[in-house]
C-alpha atoms as a PDB file:
ATOM      1  CA  MET A   1      -0.825 -17.228  -6.875  1.00  0.00           C
ATOM      2  CA  ILE A   2       0.896 -14.039  -7.995  1.00  0.00           C
ATOM      3  CA  PRO A   3      -0.236 -12.378 -11.190  1.00  0.00           C
ATOM      4  CA  LEU A   4       2.728 -11.932 -13.712  1.00  0.00           C
ATOM      5  CA  GLY A   5       1.608  -9.038 -15.607  1.00  0.00           C
ATOM      6  CA  ASN A   6       5.094  -8.800 -17.438  1.00  0.00           C
ATOM      7  CA  LEU A   7       4.162 -11.940 -19.457  1.00  0.00           C
ATOM      8  CA  ALA A   8       1.576 -12.259 -22.386  1.00  0.00           C
ATOM      9  CA  VAL A   9      -0.151 -15.491 -23.996  1.00  0.00           C
ATOM     10  CA  LEU A  10      -0.183 -16.402 -27.630  1.00  0.00           C
ATOM     11  CA  GLU A  11      -2.486 -19.433 -28.705  1.00  0.00           C
ATOM     12  CA  LEU A  12      -1.731 -21.383 -31.796  1.00  0.00           C
ATOM     13  CA  ARG A  13      -4.292 -24.098 -33.326  1.00  0.00           C
ATOM     14  CA  GLY A  14      -4.342 -26.021 -36.461  1.00  0.00           C
ATOM     15  CA  ASN A  15      -3.299 -29.770 -37.304  1.00  0.00           C
ATOM     16  CA  ASP A  16       0.331 -28.454 -38.095  1.00  0.00           C
ATOM     17  CA  THR A  17       0.812 -26.629 -35.146  1.00  0.00           C
ATOM     18  CA  ARG A  18       3.241 -29.210 -33.272  1.00  0.00           C
ATOM     19  CA  GLN A  19       5.467 -29.539 -36.416  1.00  0.00           C
ATOM     20  CA  PHE A  20       5.534 -25.774 -37.070  1.00  0.00           C
ATOM     21  CA  LEU A  21       6.842 -24.977 -33.615  1.00  0.00           C
ATOM     22  CA  GLN A  22       9.236 -27.931 -33.795  1.00  0.00           C
ATOM     23  CA  ASN A  23      10.615 -26.515 -37.086  1.00  0.00           C
ATOM     24  CA  GLN A  24      10.845 -22.748 -35.468  1.00  0.00           C
ATOM     25  CA  LEU A  25      11.940 -23.213 -31.930  1.00  0.00           C
ATOM     26  CA  SER A  26      15.210 -24.416 -30.198  1.00  0.00           C
ATOM     27  CA  ALA A  27      13.590 -26.947 -27.783  1.00  0.00           C
ATOM     28  CA  ASP A  28      12.436 -30.354 -28.824  1.00  0.00           C
ATOM     29  CA  ILE A  29       8.779 -29.585 -28.840  1.00  0.00           C
ATOM     30  CA  ASN A  30       7.740 -33.041 -29.697  1.00  0.00           C
ATOM     31  CA  ALA A  31       9.190 -34.196 -26.300  1.00  0.00           C
ATOM     32  CA  ILE A  32       6.578 -31.915 -24.332  1.00  0.00           C
ATOM     33  CA  ALA A  33       3.557 -34.042 -23.435  1.00  0.00           C
ATOM     34  CA  PRO A  34       0.006 -32.420 -23.755  1.00  0.00           C
ATOM     35  CA  GLY A  35      -0.606 -30.759 -20.286  1.00  0.00           C
ATOM     36  CA  ALA A  36       3.161 -30.179 -19.606  1.00  0.00           C
ATOM     37  CA  GLY A  37       5.113 -27.396 -20.270  1.00  0.00           C
ATOM     38  CA  GLY A  38       8.814 -26.482 -21.569  1.00  0.00           C
ATOM     39  CA  PHE A  39      10.984 -23.415 -22.447  1.00  0.00           C
ATOM     40  CA  ALA A  40      12.218 -22.676 -25.904  1.00  0.00           C
ATOM     41  CA  CYS A  41      13.868 -19.933 -27.735  1.00  0.00           C
ATOM     42  CA  CYS A  42      12.704 -18.060 -30.708  1.00  0.00           C
ATOM     43  CA  CYS A  43      15.824 -17.212 -32.595  1.00  0.00           C
ATOM     44  CA  THR A  44      17.074 -15.396 -35.707  1.00  0.00           C
ATOM     45  CA  PRO A  45      18.915 -16.875 -38.421  1.00  0.00           C
ATOM     46  CA  ALA A  46      22.105 -15.532 -37.066  1.00  0.00           C
ATOM     47  CA  GLY A  47      21.298 -17.733 -33.984  1.00  0.00           C
ATOM     48  CA  ARG A  48      20.309 -14.642 -31.624  1.00  0.00           C
ATOM     49  CA  VAL A  49      17.698 -15.205 -29.167  1.00  0.00           C
ATOM     50  CA  LEU A  50      14.555 -13.110 -29.861  1.00  0.00           C
ATOM     51  CA  ALA A  51      12.621 -14.222 -27.097  1.00  0.00           C
ATOM     52  CA  LEU A  52      12.343 -17.017 -24.327  1.00  0.00           C
ATOM     53  CA  LEU A  53       8.897 -18.997 -24.619  1.00  0.00           C
ATOM     54  CA  LEU A  54       6.966 -21.080 -22.117  1.00  0.00           C
ATOM     55  CA  VAL A  55       5.460 -23.707 -24.383  1.00  0.00           C
ATOM     56  CA  MET A  56       2.183 -25.099 -23.189  1.00  0.00           C
ATOM     57  CA  PRO A  57       0.677 -27.820 -25.401  1.00  0.00           C
ATOM     58  CA  GLN A  58      -2.877 -29.169 -25.147  1.00  0.00           C
ATOM     59  CA  ALA A  59      -4.970 -31.693 -27.000  1.00  0.00           C
ATOM     60  CA  ASP A  60      -6.346 -29.070 -29.535  1.00  0.00           C
ATOM     61  CA  GLN A  61      -4.236 -25.932 -29.044  1.00  0.00           C
ATOM     62  CA  THR A  62      -0.769 -24.818 -27.809  1.00  0.00           C
ATOM     63  CA  HIS A  63      -0.307 -21.654 -25.720  1.00  0.00           C
ATOM     64  CA  LEU A  64       3.219 -19.757 -25.709  1.00  0.00           C
ATOM     65  CA  VAL A  65       3.944 -17.493 -22.811  1.00  0.00           C
ATOM     66  CA  VAL A  66       6.206 -14.705 -23.841  1.00  0.00           C
ATOM     67  CA  SER A  67       7.423 -11.354 -22.268  1.00  0.00           C
ATOM     68  CA  ALA A  68       4.458  -8.868 -22.761  1.00  0.00           C
ATOM     69  CA  GLY A  69       6.736  -6.410 -24.573  1.00  0.00           C
ATOM     70  CA  LEU A  70       7.575  -8.685 -27.158  1.00  0.00           C
ATOM     71  CA  ALA A  71       4.394 -10.549 -27.681  1.00  0.00           C
ATOM     72  CA  GLU A  72       3.189  -8.690 -30.625  1.00  0.00           C
ATOM     73  CA  SER A  73       6.696  -8.880 -32.580  1.00  0.00           C
ATOM     74  CA  ILE A  74       7.150 -12.519 -31.733  1.00  0.00           C
ATOM     75  CA  GLN A  75       3.352 -13.176 -33.134  1.00  0.00           C
ATOM     76  CA  ALA A  76       4.511 -11.187 -36.353  1.00  0.00           C
ATOM     77  CA  TRP A  77       7.695 -13.062 -36.670  1.00  0.00           C
ATOM     78  CA  LEU A  78       6.275 -16.451 -36.379  1.00  0.00           C
ATOM     79  CA  ALA A  79       3.468 -15.661 -38.785  1.00  0.00           C
ATOM     80  CA  ARG A  80       6.012 -15.021 -41.500  1.00  0.00           C
ATOM     81  CA  PHE A  81       6.878 -18.748 -41.699  1.00  0.00           C
ATOM     82  CA  VAL A  82       3.268 -20.161 -41.397  1.00  0.00           C
ATOM     83  CA  LEU A  83       2.908 -20.079 -45.205  1.00  0.00           C
ATOM     84  CA  ARG A  84       0.478 -22.863 -46.214  1.00  0.00           C
ATOM     85  CA  ALA A  85       0.750 -24.731 -42.894  1.00  0.00           C
ATOM     86  CA  ASP A  86      -2.616 -25.151 -40.989  1.00  0.00           C
ATOM     87  CA  VAL A  87      -1.580 -23.034 -38.056  1.00  0.00           C
ATOM     88  CA  GLN A  88      -3.872 -20.030 -36.749  1.00  0.00           C
ATOM     89  CA  MET A  89      -2.281 -17.831 -34.151  1.00  0.00           C
ATOM     90  CA  THR A  90      -3.973 -15.295 -31.836  1.00  0.00           C
ATOM     91  CA  ALA A  91      -3.181 -13.239 -28.785  1.00  0.00           C
ATOM     92  CA  ARG A  92      -4.989 -14.314 -25.935  1.00  0.00           C
ATOM     93  CA  ASN A  93      -5.230 -10.981 -23.954  1.00  0.00           C
ATOM     94  CA  ASP A  94      -7.977 -12.451 -21.860  1.00  0.00           C
ATOM     95  CA  LEU A  95      -5.672 -15.030 -20.399  1.00  0.00           C
ATOM     96  CA  LEU A  96      -3.496 -13.910 -17.367  1.00  0.00           C
ATOM     97  CA  VAL A  97      -0.117 -15.805 -16.321  1.00  0.00           C
ATOM     98  CA  ALA A  98       0.161 -16.655 -12.705  1.00  0.00           C
ATOM     99  CA  THR A  99       2.632 -18.478 -10.456  1.00  0.00           C
ATOM    100  CA  ALA A 100       1.841 -21.984  -8.729  1.00  0.00           C
ATOM    101  CA  GLY A 101      -1.762 -22.807  -8.012  1.00  0.00           C
ATOM    102  CA  THR A 102      -3.421 -26.094  -8.439  1.00  0.00           C
ATOM    103  CA  ALA A 103      -5.256 -27.396 -11.525  1.00  0.00           C
ATOM    104  CA  ASP A 104      -8.542 -27.405  -9.734  1.00  0.00           C
ATOM    105  CA  ALA A 105      -8.184 -23.677  -8.377  1.00  0.00           C
ATOM    106  CA  PRO A 106     -11.097 -21.388  -9.655  1.00  0.00           C
ATOM    107  CA  GLY A 107     -10.044 -19.487 -12.718  1.00  0.00           C
ATOM    108  CA  VAL A 108      -7.346 -21.782 -13.607  1.00  0.00           C
ATOM    109  CA  ALA A 109      -7.872 -22.712 -17.475  1.00  0.00           C
ATOM    110  CA  PHE A 110      -4.501 -24.319 -18.201  1.00  0.00           C
ATOM    111  CA  GLY A 111      -1.605 -25.715 -15.809  1.00  0.00           C
ATOM    112  CA  PRO A 112      -0.065 -25.879 -13.643  1.00  0.00           C
ATOM    113  CA  VAL A 113       3.143 -26.731 -15.408  1.00  0.00           C
ATOM    114  CA  GLU A 114       6.692 -26.666 -14.100  1.00  0.00           C
ATOM    115  CA  PRO A 115       9.243 -26.339 -16.607  1.00  0.00           C
ATOM    116  CA  VAL A 116      11.893 -25.903 -14.159  1.00  0.00           C
ATOM    117  CA  SER A 117      12.007 -27.430 -10.678  1.00  0.00           C
ATOM    118  CA  GLY A 118      10.089 -25.020  -8.127  1.00  0.00           C
ATOM    119  CA  LEU A 119       8.855 -22.634 -10.785  1.00  0.00           C
ATOM    120  CA  SER A 120       5.301 -23.581 -11.566  1.00  0.00           C
ATOM    121  CA  TYR A 121       3.006 -21.535 -14.035  1.00  0.00           C
ATOM    122  CA  VAL A 122      -0.808 -21.389 -14.710  1.00  0.00           C
ATOM    123  CA  LEU A 123      -3.030 -19.561 -16.959  1.00  0.00           C
ATOM    124  CA  LEU A 124      -6.236 -17.881 -15.853  1.00  0.00           C
ATOM    125  CA  ASP A 125      -9.140 -17.145 -17.456  1.00  0.00           C
ATOM    126  CA  GLU A 126     -11.069 -15.432 -14.812  1.00  0.00           C
ATOM    127  CA  PRO A 127     -10.229 -13.766 -11.454  1.00  0.00           C
ATOM    128  CA  CYS A 128      -9.108 -16.239  -8.973  1.00  0.00           C
ATOM    129  CA  PRO A 129      -9.944 -15.611  -5.352  1.00  0.00           C
ATOM    130  CA  ASP A 130      -6.360 -17.099  -4.397  1.00  0.00           C
ATOM    131  CA  ILE A 131      -4.556 -14.272  -6.228  1.00  0.00           C
ATOM    132  CA  ASP A 132      -1.991 -12.484  -4.374  1.00  0.00           C
ATOM    133  CA  SER A 133      -1.033  -8.809  -5.611  1.00  0.00           C
ATOM    134  CA  ALA A 134       0.616  -7.746  -2.456  1.00  0.00           C
ATOM    135  CA  LYS A 135       3.396  -5.535  -3.133  1.00  0.00           C
ATOM    136  CA  GLY A 136       6.793  -7.452  -3.870  1.00  0.00           C
ATOM    137  CA  GLY A 137       5.234 -10.638  -4.797  1.00  0.00           C
ATOM    138  CA  ALA A 138       6.198 -10.479  -8.275  1.00  0.00           C
ATOM    139  CA  GLY A 139       9.527  -8.959  -7.460  1.00  0.00           C
ATOM    140  CA  ARG A 140      10.336 -12.406  -5.431  1.00  0.00           C
ATOM    141  CA  TRP A 141       9.223 -14.690  -8.179  1.00  0.00           C
ATOM    142  CA  LYS A 142      11.316 -12.726 -10.541  1.00  0.00           C
ATOM    143  CA  ALA A 143      14.337 -13.190  -8.184  1.00  0.00           C
ATOM    144  CA  ALA A 144      13.467 -16.898  -8.089  1.00  0.00           C
ATOM    145  CA  GLU A 145      13.379 -17.267 -11.939  1.00  0.00           C
ATOM    146  CA  LEU A 146      16.775 -15.305 -12.204  1.00  0.00           C
ATOM    147  CA  GLN A 147      18.308 -17.825  -9.623  1.00  0.00           C
ATOM    148  CA  ASN A 148      17.134 -20.717 -11.696  1.00  0.00           C
ATOM    149  CA  GLY A 149      18.384 -19.057 -15.052  1.00  0.00           C
ATOM    150  CA  VAL A 150      14.888 -18.129 -16.398  1.00  0.00           C
ATOM    151  CA  VAL A 151      15.277 -14.582 -17.892  1.00  0.00           C
ATOM    152  CA  TRP A 152      12.469 -13.058 -19.794  1.00  0.00           C
ATOM    153  CA  LEU A 153      14.152 -10.538 -22.626  1.00  0.00           C
ATOM    154  CA  ASP A 154      12.631  -7.322 -23.326  1.00  0.00           C
ATOM    155  CA  GLN A 155      12.951  -5.027 -26.497  1.00  0.00           C
ATOM    156  CA  ALA A 156      16.536  -4.029 -25.253  1.00  0.00           C
ATOM    157  CA  SER A 157      17.883  -7.377 -24.870  1.00  0.00           C
ATOM    158  CA  SER A 158      16.043  -9.263 -27.660  1.00  0.00           C
ATOM    159  CA  ALA A 159      18.315 -10.460 -30.547  1.00  0.00           C
ATOM    160  CA  GLN A 160      21.453  -9.633 -28.553  1.00  0.00           C
ATOM    161  CA  PHE A 161      22.791 -13.158 -27.250  1.00  0.00           C
ATOM    162  CA  LEU A 162      22.968 -16.821 -28.556  1.00  0.00           C
ATOM    163  CA  PRO A 163      21.309 -19.148 -26.288  1.00  0.00           C
ATOM    164  CA  GLN A 164      24.414 -20.566 -24.681  1.00  0.00           C
ATOM    165  CA  MET A 165      25.510 -16.981 -23.625  1.00  0.00           C
ATOM    166  CA  LEU A 166      22.260 -16.838 -21.630  1.00  0.00           C
ATOM    167  CA  GLY A 167      22.596 -20.419 -20.254  1.00  0.00           C
ATOM    168  CA  PHE A 168      19.217 -21.582 -21.748  1.00  0.00           C
ATOM    169  CA  GLU A 169      20.597 -25.080 -22.557  1.00  0.00           C
ATOM    170  CA  ARG A 170      20.539 -25.447 -18.635  1.00  0.00           C
ATOM    171  CA  ILE A 171      16.634 -24.781 -18.244  1.00  0.00           C
ATOM    172  CA  GLY A 172      15.948 -27.119 -21.369  1.00  0.00           C
ATOM    173  CA  ALA A 173      15.309 -24.416 -23.969  1.00  0.00           C
ATOM    174  CA  LEU A 174      17.973 -25.561 -26.321  1.00  0.00           C
ATOM    175  CA  ASN A 175      18.371 -29.120 -27.815  1.00  0.00           C
ATOM    176  CA  PHE A 176      21.320 -29.727 -30.005  1.00  0.00           C
ATOM    177  CA  ARG A 177      19.929 -32.933 -31.504  1.00  0.00           C
ATOM    178  CA  LYS A 178      16.367 -32.210 -32.326  1.00  0.00           C
ATOM    179  CA  GLY A 179      17.171 -31.017 -35.868  1.00  0.00           C
ATOM    180  CA  CYS A 180      16.999 -27.774 -37.734  1.00  0.00           C
ATOM    181  CA  PHE A 181      15.664 -24.414 -36.720  1.00  0.00           C
ATOM    182  CA  PRO A 182      16.452 -20.846 -37.523  1.00  0.00           C
ATOM    183  CA  GLY A 183      19.959 -20.112 -36.379  1.00  0.00           C
ATOM    184  CA  GLN A 184      20.751 -23.733 -35.537  1.00  0.00           C
ATOM    185  CA  GLU A 185      23.805 -24.015 -37.406  1.00  0.00           C
ATOM    186  CA  ILE A 186      25.550 -20.851 -35.764  1.00  0.00           C
ATOM    187  CA  ILE A 187      24.285 -22.065 -32.541  1.00  0.00           C
ATOM    188  CA  ALA A 188      25.750 -25.518 -33.034  1.00  0.00           C
ATOM    189  CA  ARG A 189      29.062 -24.399 -34.614  1.00  0.00           C
ATOM    190  CA  THR A 190      29.573 -22.390 -31.577  1.00  0.00           C
ATOM    191  CA  ARG A 191      29.251 -25.249 -29.231  1.00  0.00           C
ATOM    192  CA  TYR A 192      31.249 -27.790 -31.122  1.00  0.00           C
ATOM    193  CA  LEU A 193      34.098 -25.391 -32.097  1.00  0.00           C
ATOM    194  CA  GLY A 194      34.203 -24.042 -28.601  1.00  0.00           C
ATOM    195  CA  THR A 195      34.161 -20.337 -29.724  1.00  0.00           C
ATOM    196  CA  LEU A 196      31.656 -19.155 -26.989  1.00  0.00           C
ATOM    197  CA  LYS A 197      33.405 -15.987 -25.327  1.00  0.00           C
ATOM    198  CA  ARG A 198      30.363 -14.923 -23.258  1.00  0.00           C
ATOM    199  CA  ARG A 199      28.441 -16.652 -20.681  1.00  0.00           C
ATOM    200  CA  PRO A 200      25.966 -15.797 -17.762  1.00  0.00           C
ATOM    201  CA  LEU A 201      26.574 -14.786 -14.373  1.00  0.00           C
ATOM    202  CA  LEU A 202      24.493 -13.933 -11.680  1.00  0.00           C
ATOM    203  CA  LEU A 203      25.259 -11.405  -9.023  1.00  0.00           C
ATOM    204  CA  HIS A 204      23.813 -10.054  -5.701  1.00  0.00           C
ATOM    205  CA  ALA A 205      24.333  -6.441  -5.461  1.00  0.00           C
ATOM    206  CA  GLU A 206      23.461  -3.511  -3.277  1.00  0.00           C
ATOM    207  CA  LEU A 207      21.667  -1.005  -5.462  1.00  0.00           C
ATOM    208  CA  LYS A 208      19.738   2.300  -4.695  1.00  0.00           C
ATOM    209  CA  ARG A 209      17.979   2.127  -7.793  1.00  0.00           C
ATOM    210  CA  PRO A 210      17.534  -0.436 -10.581  1.00  0.00           C
ATOM    211  CA  LEU A 211      19.882  -0.177 -13.648  1.00  0.00           C
ATOM    212  CA  PRO A 212      18.645  -0.069 -17.177  1.00  0.00           C
ATOM    213  CA  VAL A 213      18.733  -3.189 -19.427  1.00  0.00           C
ATOM    214  CA  MET A 214      22.112  -3.454 -21.360  1.00  0.00           C
ATOM    215  CA  GLN A 215      24.023  -1.395 -18.876  1.00  0.00           C
ATOM    216  CA  LYS A 216      27.670  -2.161 -19.167  1.00  0.00           C
ATOM    217  CA  LEU A 217      29.304  -3.518 -16.004  1.00  0.00           C
ATOM    218  CA  ALA A 218      32.997  -3.975 -14.924  1.00  0.00           C
ATOM    219  CA  ILE A 219      33.573  -7.066 -12.559  1.00  0.00           C
ATOM    220  CA  GLY A 220      36.757  -7.228 -10.571  1.00  0.00           C
ATOM    221  CA  THR A 221      38.322 -10.639 -10.233  1.00  0.00           C
ATOM    222  CA  ALA A 222      41.543 -12.040  -8.819  1.00  0.00           C
ATOM    223  CA  GLY A 223      42.903 -11.570 -12.232  1.00  0.00           C
ATOM    224  CA  GLU A 224      41.926  -9.057 -15.012  1.00  0.00           C
ATOM    225  CA  PRO A 225      38.687  -7.262 -14.658  1.00  0.00           C
ATOM    226  CA  VAL A 226      35.719  -8.787 -16.655  1.00  0.00           C
ATOM    227  CA  SER A 227      33.326  -6.687 -18.784  1.00  0.00           C
ATOM    228  CA  GLY A 228      29.551  -7.788 -19.065  1.00  0.00           C
ATOM    229  CA  VAL A 229      26.182  -6.358 -19.576  1.00  0.00           C
ATOM    230  CA  LEU A 230      23.038  -6.401 -17.457  1.00  0.00           C
ATOM    231  CA  VAL A 231      20.284  -8.500 -19.014  1.00  0.00           C
ATOM    232  CA  ASP A 232      17.701  -8.453 -16.207  1.00  0.00           C
ATOM    233  CA  GLN A 233      17.198  -7.528 -12.561  1.00  0.00           C
ATOM    234  CA  ALA A 234      14.997  -8.299  -9.322  1.00  0.00           C
ATOM    235  CA  SER A 235      15.036  -6.739  -6.093  1.00  0.00           C
ATOM    236  CA  ASP A 236      14.760  -8.815  -2.835  1.00  0.00           C
ATOM    237  CA  SER A 237      13.163  -8.211   0.475  1.00  0.00           C
ATOM    238  CA  ALA A 238      16.462  -7.301   2.019  1.00  0.00           C
ATOM    239  CA  GLY A 239      16.992  -4.483  -0.225  1.00  0.00           C
ATOM    240  CA  GLY A 240      19.426  -6.249  -2.524  1.00  0.00           C
ATOM    241  CA  HIS A 241      19.303  -6.666  -6.322  1.00  0.00           C
ATOM    242  CA  TRP A 242      19.702  -9.866  -8.033  1.00  0.00           C
ATOM    243  CA  LEU A 243      21.561  -8.965 -11.625  1.00  0.00           C
ATOM    244  CA  PHE A 244      21.443 -11.611 -14.349  1.00  0.00           C
ATOM    245  CA  THR A 245      24.302 -10.428 -16.586  1.00  0.00           C
ATOM    246  CA  VAL A 246      26.206 -11.722 -19.660  1.00  0.00           C
ATOM    247  CA  VAL A 247      29.987 -11.592 -19.355  1.00  0.00           C
ATOM    248  CA  ARG A 248      33.050 -11.691 -21.593  1.00  0.00           C
ATOM    249  CA  SER A 249      34.954 -14.702 -20.043  1.00  0.00           C
ATOM    250  CA  THR A 250      35.305 -18.225 -21.192  1.00  0.00           C
ATOM    251  CA  ASP A 251      36.450 -19.314 -17.464  1.00  0.00           C
ATOM    252  CA  GLU A 252      34.728 -19.675 -14.139  1.00  0.00           C
ATOM    253  CA  PHE A 253      35.746 -16.856 -11.805  1.00  0.00           C
ATOM    254  CA  GLU A 254      34.819 -15.551  -8.315  1.00  0.00           C
ATOM    255  CA  PRO A 255      33.431 -11.790  -8.629  1.00  0.00           C
ATOM    256  CA  GLN A 256      35.232  -9.537  -6.033  1.00  0.00           C
ATOM    257  CA  SER A 257      33.884  -6.130  -7.178  1.00  0.00           C
ATOM    258  CA  LEU A 258      31.348  -4.522  -9.229  1.00  0.00           C
ATOM    259  CA  GLU A 259      31.785  -1.168 -10.781  1.00  0.00           C
ATOM    260  CA  VAL A 260      28.954   0.824 -12.790  1.00  0.00           C
ATOM    261  CA  ASP A 261      29.538   3.914 -14.668  1.00  0.00           C
ATOM    262  CA  GLY A 262      32.876   4.316 -12.713  1.00  0.00           C
ATOM    263  CA  GLN A 263      31.270   3.906  -9.244  1.00  0.00           C
ATOM    264  CA  LEU A 264      31.904   0.859  -6.968  1.00  0.00           C
ATOM    265  CA  VAL A 265      28.810  -1.238  -6.110  1.00  0.00           C
ATOM    266  CA  ALA A 266      28.880  -3.646  -2.840  1.00  0.00           C
ATOM    267  CA  LEU A 267      28.319  -7.118  -3.798  1.00  0.00           C
ATOM    268  CA  LEU A 268      26.252  -9.129  -1.246  1.00  0.00           C
END
C-alpha cells in the first residue's frame, strides 16, 4: 500500500444521498454498486470541471475521494445544493486514502475499489503494517494515474476545462445519457456539435525540475506548432517526467518537440 496524501475524503449520509449525487455529478451514480467505486466530475453551470471525484457508495454512507487542496471548496459547493434534501456531509480527516491492498488487510475501512483497470484504492481508518511510505512510491503511482487518464485537479487547474478536454469520458467520469447535472447542457452541446477544440495529450519529457500547473507549452509537430498547458505531472524512476497536458488541436498528431519558456525540452 502507498499512502496518497494528496487526496482527502468527504462522507455523505442520509436517505437522499444517492439521488443528490446523481443530480449534481456528471457520472451515472446509480450505476455504481455499493462496495464498488467510480469516477465523476463536479462541474460549474458553465460545464467546467471543479474537481474529479472517486465515488465510493456503501449501504449507509457514500465517500467521495477528492484532491486534498479542493476538499473544503467542493464540500462548500455541494452544500449549496442540499437545500431540504436528507443529506449530511462531513470531512473525514481521520480516513487515509491508499493504493491497492485487500479488503481484509489491517486498517482497511472501505475498499478496495478499482474504478479503472490497474488502479485500486482503499480507505484506511488506522495505520496499516503494510503501508509503504518509501520515497518515490507516490510519484510512481501518480505516473500510473496519468498514464491511465486520471488527473486530480488543484486550485490552479480547477474550473478551467470541460470534462472532454481532460478525456474524462474515457475513465467513466462523464455519462451523456444519465440526465441533467450542472453544466450538462454545455457539455452535451460541445459533444454533439463537434466544437471541442482542446483535448488531452500525455508527454514524457526530460526535465530538471517540475513545471508549475497551467504552464504554457509549445509542441512541435510535422505541421504547425500546437499550444498547450500543463495540468499535472509526475516523475519516474528514470529521471523523466510524465506531463498531462491539454492542447489546442482537433486532430491526432505525433509530438516531435517541446518548448517551455523559449527553451527546448527533450522528449523521451
